[in-house]
C-alpha atoms as a PDB file:
ATOM      1  CA  MET A   1     -44.117 -39.837 -41.005  1.00  0.00           C
ATOM      2  CA  TYR A   2     -46.946 -37.434 -41.820  1.00  0.00           C
ATOM      3  CA  SER A   3     -47.165 -33.894 -40.502  1.00  0.00           C
ATOM      4  CA  LEU A   4     -50.094 -32.856 -38.340  1.00  0.00           C
ATOM      5  CA  SER A   5     -51.297 -30.604 -41.174  1.00  0.00           C
ATOM      6  CA  GLU A   6     -51.390 -33.550 -43.581  1.00  0.00           C
ATOM      7  CA  LEU A   7     -53.296 -35.695 -41.068  1.00  0.00           C
ATOM      8  CA  GLU A   8     -55.837 -32.945 -40.439  1.00  0.00           C
ATOM      9  CA  ALA A   9     -56.355 -32.158 -44.137  1.00  0.00           C
ATOM     10  CA  LEU A  10     -56.840 -35.775 -45.211  1.00  0.00           C
ATOM     11  CA  SER A  11     -59.170 -36.474 -42.271  1.00  0.00           C
ATOM     12  CA  ARG A  12     -61.260 -33.417 -43.138  1.00  0.00           C
ATOM     13  CA  LYS A  13     -61.525 -34.463 -46.794  1.00  0.00           C
ATOM     14  CA  ALA A  14     -62.371 -38.068 -45.836  1.00  0.00           C
ATOM     15  CA  LEU A  15     -65.201 -36.903 -43.586  1.00  0.00           C
ATOM     16  CA  ARG A  16     -66.472 -34.559 -46.283  1.00  0.00           C
ATOM     17  CA  GLY A  17     -66.303 -37.420 -48.814  1.00  0.00           C
ATOM     18  CA  THR A  18     -68.422 -39.533 -46.452  1.00  0.00           C
ATOM     19  CA  GLY A  19     -71.185 -36.935 -46.425  1.00  0.00           C
ATOM     20  CA  TYR A  20     -70.457 -34.807 -43.358  1.00  0.00           C
ATOM     21  CA  SER A  21     -71.154 -31.085 -43.471  1.00  0.00           C
ATOM     22  CA  TRP A  22     -68.186 -28.759 -43.868  1.00  0.00           C
ATOM     23  CA  GLY A  23     -68.401 -27.785 -40.197  1.00  0.00           C
ATOM     24  CA  HIS A  24     -68.373 -31.349 -38.870  1.00  0.00           C
ATOM     25  CA  ALA A  25     -65.624 -32.319 -41.324  1.00  0.00           C
ATOM     26  CA  GLU A  26     -63.498 -29.326 -40.279  1.00  0.00           C
ATOM     27  CA  GLU A  27     -63.863 -30.076 -36.567  1.00  0.00           C
ATOM     28  CA  GLY A  28     -63.329 -33.798 -37.183  1.00  0.00           C
ATOM     29  CA  GLY A  29     -60.019 -33.048 -38.901  1.00  0.00           C
ATOM     30  CA  LYS A  30     -58.969 -30.936 -35.920  1.00  0.00           C
ATOM     31  CA  ALA A  31     -59.979 -33.768 -33.556  1.00  0.00           C
ATOM     32  CA  VAL A  32     -57.786 -36.284 -35.407  1.00  0.00           C
ATOM     33  CA  ARG A  33     -54.922 -33.765 -35.366  1.00  0.00           C
ATOM     34  CA  TRP A  34     -55.382 -33.266 -31.589  1.00  0.00           C
ATOM     35  CA  LEU A  35     -55.203 -37.031 -30.995  1.00  0.00           C
ATOM     36  CA  SER A  36     -52.102 -37.268 -33.183  1.00  0.00           C
ATOM     37  CA  THR A  37     -50.282 -34.609 -31.138  1.00  0.00           C
ATOM     38  CA  TYR A  38     -50.421 -37.153 -28.296  1.00  0.00           C
ATOM     39  CA  GLN A  39     -49.462 -40.068 -30.591  1.00  0.00           C
ATOM     40  CA  LEU A  40     -52.900 -41.631 -30.131  1.00  0.00           C
ATOM     41  CA  PRO A  41     -54.373 -43.625 -33.054  1.00  0.00           C
ATOM     42  CA  GLY A  42     -56.753 -40.939 -34.320  1.00  0.00           C
ATOM     43  CA  VAL A  43     -56.203 -41.785 -38.001  1.00  0.00           C
ATOM     44  CA  SER A  44     -56.793 -45.493 -37.355  1.00  0.00           C
ATOM     45  CA  ALA A  45     -59.899 -44.736 -35.290  1.00  0.00           C
ATOM     46  CA  LEU A  46     -61.265 -42.563 -38.094  1.00  0.00           C
ATOM     47  CA  ALA A  47     -60.485 -45.217 -40.737  1.00  0.00           C
ATOM     48  CA  TYR A  48     -62.240 -47.954 -38.717  1.00  0.00           C
ATOM     49  CA  TYR A  49     -65.131 -45.614 -38.048  1.00  0.00           C
ATOM     50  CA  LEU A  50     -65.575 -44.742 -41.736  1.00  0.00           C
ATOM     51  CA  GLN A  51     -65.398 -48.411 -42.726  1.00  0.00           C
ATOM     52  CA  ALA A  52     -68.099 -49.269 -40.178  1.00  0.00           C
ATOM     53  CA  HIS A  53     -70.245 -46.273 -41.202  1.00  0.00           C
ATOM     54  CA  PRO A  54     -70.166 -45.669 -44.981  1.00  0.00           C
ATOM     55  CA  THR A  55     -72.564 -42.762 -44.423  1.00  0.00           C
ATOM     56  CA  PRO A  56     -72.885 -40.647 -41.270  1.00  0.00           C
ATOM     57  CA  PRO A  57     -74.577 -42.840 -38.626  1.00  0.00           C
ATOM     58  CA  ASP A  58     -77.373 -42.084 -36.207  1.00  0.00           C
ATOM     59  CA  VAL A  59     -76.736 -38.628 -34.758  1.00  0.00           C
ATOM     60  CA  ALA A  60     -76.945 -39.941 -31.181  1.00  0.00           C
ATOM     61  CA  GLN A  61     -73.922 -42.257 -31.715  1.00  0.00           C
ATOM     62  CA  ASP A  62     -71.869 -40.015 -33.980  1.00  0.00           C
ATOM     63  CA  PRO A  63     -68.715 -38.723 -32.195  1.00  0.00           C
ATOM     64  CA  PHE A  64     -68.406 -35.728 -34.547  1.00  0.00           C
ATOM     65  CA  VAL A  65     -71.987 -34.535 -34.228  1.00  0.00           C
ATOM     66  CA  GLN A  66     -72.111 -35.196 -30.469  1.00  0.00           C
ATOM     67  CA  GLY A  67     -68.693 -33.592 -29.971  1.00  0.00           C
ATOM     68  CA  GLY A  68     -69.786 -30.475 -31.839  1.00  0.00           C
ATOM     69  CA  PHE A  69     -72.970 -30.365 -29.767  1.00  0.00           C
ATOM     70  CA  VAL A  70     -71.024 -30.584 -26.489  1.00  0.00           C
ATOM     71  CA  CYS A  71     -68.674 -27.758 -27.509  1.00  0.00           C
ATOM     72  CA  ASP A  72     -71.526 -25.582 -28.778  1.00  0.00           C
ATOM     73  CA  GLN A  73     -73.430 -25.962 -25.507  1.00  0.00           C
ATOM     74  CA  GLY A  74     -70.503 -24.772 -23.370  1.00  0.00           C
ATOM     75  CA  ARG A  75     -71.410 -24.456 -19.702  1.00  0.00           C
ATOM     76  CA  ALA A  76     -75.025 -25.325 -20.465  1.00  0.00           C
ATOM     77  CA  TRP A  77     -74.096 -28.938 -21.324  1.00  0.00           C
ATOM     78  CA  GLN A  78     -74.538 -31.214 -18.339  1.00  0.00           C
ATOM     79  CA  VAL A  79     -71.979 -33.964 -17.805  1.00  0.00           C
ATOM     80  CA  GLN A  80     -73.567 -37.266 -18.710  1.00  0.00           C
ATOM     81  CA  THR A  81     -73.136 -40.707 -20.209  1.00  0.00           C
ATOM     82  CA  LEU A  82     -72.968 -40.844 -24.003  1.00  0.00           C
ATOM     83  CA  HIS A  83     -73.327 -43.976 -26.139  1.00  0.00           C
ATOM     84  CA  ILE A  84     -70.807 -43.354 -28.908  1.00  0.00           C
ATOM     85  CA  ALA A  85     -69.244 -45.166 -31.857  1.00  0.00           C
ATOM     86  CA  TYR A  86     -65.430 -45.088 -31.580  1.00  0.00           C
ATOM     87  CA  PRO A  87     -65.296 -43.016 -28.362  1.00  0.00           C
ATOM     88  CA  LEU A  88     -61.622 -42.112 -28.821  1.00  0.00           C
ATOM     89  CA  LEU A  89     -62.817 -39.682 -31.524  1.00  0.00           C
ATOM     90  CA  LEU A  90     -64.950 -37.878 -28.911  1.00  0.00           C
ATOM     91  CA  LEU A  91     -62.034 -37.266 -26.519  1.00  0.00           C
ATOM     92  CA  PRO A  92     -60.712 -34.050 -28.168  1.00  0.00           C
ATOM     93  CA  TYR A  93     -64.154 -32.410 -28.053  1.00  0.00           C
ATOM     94  CA  LEU A  94     -64.528 -33.237 -24.356  1.00  0.00           C
ATOM     95  CA  ALA A  95     -61.043 -31.847 -23.661  1.00  0.00           C
ATOM     96  CA  TRP A  96     -61.871 -28.620 -25.548  1.00  0.00           C
ATOM     97  CA  TRP A  97     -65.168 -28.312 -23.682  1.00  0.00           C
ATOM     98  CA  ALA A  98     -63.481 -28.775 -20.279  1.00  0.00           C
ATOM     99  CA  SER A  99     -60.572 -26.448 -21.129  1.00  0.00           C
ATOM    100  CA  ALA A 100     -63.020 -23.675 -22.018  1.00  0.00           C
ATOM    101  CA  GLN A 101     -64.130 -23.911 -18.379  1.00  0.00           C
ATOM    102  CA  GLN A 102     -60.532 -24.037 -17.033  1.00  0.00           C
ATOM    103  CA  GLN A 103     -61.103 -27.661 -16.050  1.00  0.00           C
ATOM    104  CA  ALA A 104     -60.071 -31.115 -17.167  1.00  0.00           C
ATOM    105  CA  VAL A 105     -62.458 -33.925 -17.994  1.00  0.00           C
ATOM    106  CA  GLN A 106     -62.253 -37.493 -16.744  1.00  0.00           C
ATOM    107  CA  VAL A 107     -63.497 -39.795 -19.490  1.00  0.00           C
ATOM    108  CA  THR A 108     -64.215 -43.472 -18.876  1.00  0.00           C
ATOM    109  CA  TRP A 109     -65.226 -46.204 -21.303  1.00  0.00           C
ATOM    110  CA  HIS A 110     -64.820 -49.945 -20.867  1.00  0.00           C
ATOM    111  CA  THR A 111     -61.745 -50.278 -18.650  1.00  0.00           C
ATOM    112  CA  HIS A 112     -60.100 -47.046 -19.785  1.00  0.00           C
ATOM    113  CA  THR A 113     -60.053 -43.872 -17.711  1.00  0.00           C
ATOM    114  CA  LEU A 114     -58.260 -40.834 -19.076  1.00  0.00           C
ATOM    115  CA  VAL A 115     -58.110 -37.260 -17.829  1.00  0.00           C
ATOM    116  CA  ALA A 116     -57.746 -34.746 -20.646  1.00  0.00           C
ATOM    117  CA  HIS A 117     -57.389 -31.009 -21.123  1.00  0.00           C
ATOM    118  CA  ASN A 118     -55.616 -28.911 -23.737  1.00  0.00           C
ATOM    119  CA  ALA A 119     -52.144 -29.308 -22.213  1.00  0.00           C
ATOM    120  CA  ALA A 120     -51.938 -33.066 -21.569  1.00  0.00           C
ATOM    121  CA  ILE A 121     -53.649 -36.429 -21.304  1.00  0.00           C
ATOM    122  CA  HIS A 122     -53.258 -38.311 -18.043  1.00  0.00           C
ATOM    123  CA  GLY A 123     -53.710 -42.002 -17.313  1.00  0.00           C
ATOM    124  CA  LEU A 124     -52.515 -43.303 -20.658  1.00  0.00           C
ATOM    125  CA  PRO A 125     -51.972 -47.036 -20.442  1.00  0.00           C
ATOM    126  CA  LEU A 126     -48.673 -48.815 -20.803  1.00  0.00           C
ATOM    127  CA  TRP A 127     -50.286 -51.213 -23.279  1.00  0.00           C
ATOM    128  CA  PRO A 128     -50.603 -50.205 -26.934  1.00  0.00           C
ATOM    129  CA  ALA A 129     -52.854 -47.246 -27.679  1.00  0.00           C
ATOM    130  CA  ALA A 130     -54.663 -49.438 -30.249  1.00  0.00           C
ATOM    131  CA  ALA A 131     -56.514 -50.915 -27.255  1.00  0.00           C
ATOM    132  CA  LEU A 132     -58.457 -47.614 -27.157  1.00  0.00           C
ATOM    133  CA  LEU A 133     -60.156 -48.425 -30.488  1.00  0.00           C
ATOM    134  CA  GLN A 134     -63.505 -49.808 -29.303  1.00  0.00           C
ATOM    135  CA  ALA A 135     -66.227 -49.708 -31.957  1.00  0.00           C
ATOM    136  CA  GLN A 136     -69.030 -48.844 -29.512  1.00  0.00           C
ATOM    137  CA  ALA A 137     -69.063 -47.806 -25.861  1.00  0.00           C
ATOM    138  CA  SER A 138     -70.824 -45.910 -23.150  1.00  0.00           C
ATOM    139  CA  VAL A 139     -68.677 -42.927 -22.248  1.00  0.00           C
ATOM    140  CA  GLN A 140     -68.933 -41.346 -18.795  1.00  0.00           C
ATOM    141  CA  CYS A 141     -67.665 -37.799 -18.386  1.00  0.00           C
ATOM    142  CA  THR A 142     -66.829 -35.877 -15.205  1.00  0.00           C
ATOM    143  CA  LEU A 143     -65.261 -32.438 -14.819  1.00  0.00           C
ATOM    144  CA  CYS A 144     -62.211 -32.261 -12.550  1.00  0.00           C
ATOM    145  CA  PRO A 145     -59.260 -29.945 -11.887  1.00  0.00           C
ATOM    146  CA  PRO A 146     -56.283 -30.502 -14.217  1.00  0.00           C
ATOM    147  CA  PRO A 147     -53.928 -32.967 -12.479  1.00  0.00           C
ATOM    148  CA  GLU A 148     -50.196 -32.554 -12.085  1.00  0.00           C
ATOM    149  CA  LEU A 149     -47.998 -34.131 -14.753  1.00  0.00           C
ATOM    150  CA  SER A 150     -46.830 -37.648 -13.881  1.00  0.00           C
ATOM    151  CA  THR A 151     -45.221 -40.662 -15.517  1.00  0.00           C
ATOM    152  CA  GLN A 152     -48.621 -41.569 -16.993  1.00  0.00           C
ATOM    153  CA  SER A 153     -49.079 -38.118 -18.542  1.00  0.00           C
ATOM    154  CA  ARG A 154     -48.381 -37.220 -22.126  1.00  0.00           C
ATOM    155  CA  ALA A 155     -47.955 -33.635 -23.254  1.00  0.00           C
ATOM    156  CA  ALA A 156     -48.750 -32.472 -26.779  1.00  0.00           C
ATOM    157  CA  LEU A 157     -45.169 -32.471 -28.019  1.00  0.00           C
ATOM    158  CA  TYR A 158     -45.455 -34.280 -31.320  1.00  0.00           C
ATOM    159  CA  HIS A 159     -45.446 -32.593 -34.733  1.00  0.00           C
ATOM    160  CA  GLY A 160     -46.231 -35.652 -36.832  1.00  0.00           C
ATOM    161  CA  GLN A 161     -47.109 -39.318 -36.675  1.00  0.00           C
ATOM    162  CA  ALA A 162     -46.184 -42.486 -38.521  1.00  0.00           C
ATOM    163  CA  ILE A 163     -49.334 -43.982 -40.033  1.00  0.00           C
ATOM    164  CA  ASP A 164     -49.788 -47.497 -41.409  1.00  0.00           C
ATOM    165  CA  ALA A 165     -50.676 -47.736 -45.103  1.00  0.00           C
ATOM    166  CA  ALA A 166     -54.095 -49.394 -44.596  1.00  0.00           C
ATOM    167  CA  PRO A 167     -55.812 -46.618 -42.576  1.00  0.00           C
ATOM    168  CA  TRP A 168     -54.204 -43.962 -44.768  1.00  0.00           C
ATOM    169  CA  GLN A 169     -55.630 -45.661 -47.868  1.00  0.00           C
ATOM    170  CA  VAL A 170     -59.141 -45.766 -46.352  1.00  0.00           C
ATOM    171  CA  LEU A 171     -59.022 -42.020 -45.709  1.00  0.00           C
ATOM    172  CA  ASP A 172     -57.513 -41.312 -49.118  1.00  0.00           C
ATOM    173  CA  GLU A 173     -60.280 -43.273 -50.889  1.00  0.00           C
ATOM    174  CA  ARG A 174     -62.936 -41.274 -49.020  1.00  0.00           C
ATOM    175  CA  ALA A 175     -61.130 -38.005 -49.715  1.00  0.00           C
ATOM    176  CA  GLN A 176     -61.078 -38.735 -53.455  1.00  0.00           C
ATOM    177  CA  ARG A 177     -64.885 -38.545 -53.453  1.00  0.00           C
ATOM    178  CA  THR A 178     -64.501 -34.782 -52.995  1.00  0.00           C
ATOM    179  CA  TYR A 179     -62.404 -34.318 -56.141  1.00  0.00           C
ATOM    180  CA  VAL A 180     -63.880 -33.240 -59.464  1.00  0.00           C
ATOM    181  CA  PRO A 181     -63.352 -35.917 -62.145  1.00  0.00           C
ATOM    182  CA  ALA A 182     -60.949 -34.856 -64.885  1.00  0.00           C
ATOM    183  CA  SER A 183     -62.744 -33.879 -68.084  1.00  0.00           C
ATOM    184  CA  ALA A 184     -62.628 -31.237 -70.777  1.00  0.00           C
ATOM    185  CA  ALA A 185     -65.286 -29.268 -68.875  1.00  0.00           C
ATOM    186  CA  SER A 186     -63.352 -29.395 -65.610  1.00  0.00           C
ATOM    187  CA  ARG A 187     -60.189 -28.185 -67.345  1.00  0.00           C
ATOM    188  CA  HIS A 188     -61.958 -25.368 -69.224  1.00  0.00           C
ATOM    189  CA  GLY A 189     -60.695 -22.062 -67.887  1.00  0.00           C
ATOM    190  CA  ALA A 190     -58.036 -23.693 -65.696  1.00  0.00           C
ATOM    191  CA  GLY A 191     -54.481 -22.421 -65.873  1.00  0.00           C
ATOM    192  CA  PRO A 192     -53.132 -19.242 -67.417  1.00  0.00           C
ATOM    193  CA  ALA A 193     -55.198 -17.401 -70.018  1.00  0.00           C
ATOM    194  CA  ASP A 194     -53.971 -17.551 -73.615  1.00  0.00           C
END
């Protein structure tokens, strides 16, 4: 079991190690953390995404760049259809955007329809959440009032998530690209002064 802080930090470093700007990496780490609070496979989605895109992909299909754009636009952004790689990674940004307007957002891709806002996700399937890991999809977004909690709702009650070793290793390998290699020069001046 990894804490939400650990998931966010490793995701941020993995995105930075892939070549994302600090801002996109920071927000991407928060997006993975948000998904993990609902026990959705954010870490797995990010690992699959990074394996499919060794460098940041076309801006139009990038969930981190498009998500940041949506949030930055605020009320000026018009609800539309987006063609996104790994659309699950876009869901937190859409929820943040809708919550800033005291609304929820209905998000549909393939056969999945979820309603999200900062307090809960509604319409989660009974089948495994891994079914939400499509590599490419058209995402349709619609603002709506936040629905009442039901049996298909999930509140953000989780403080950590069990992660399989394979996705964790993918993120860890990307994160290691941000570390300075050990050498005499890198150690010079480190530690207490003599």
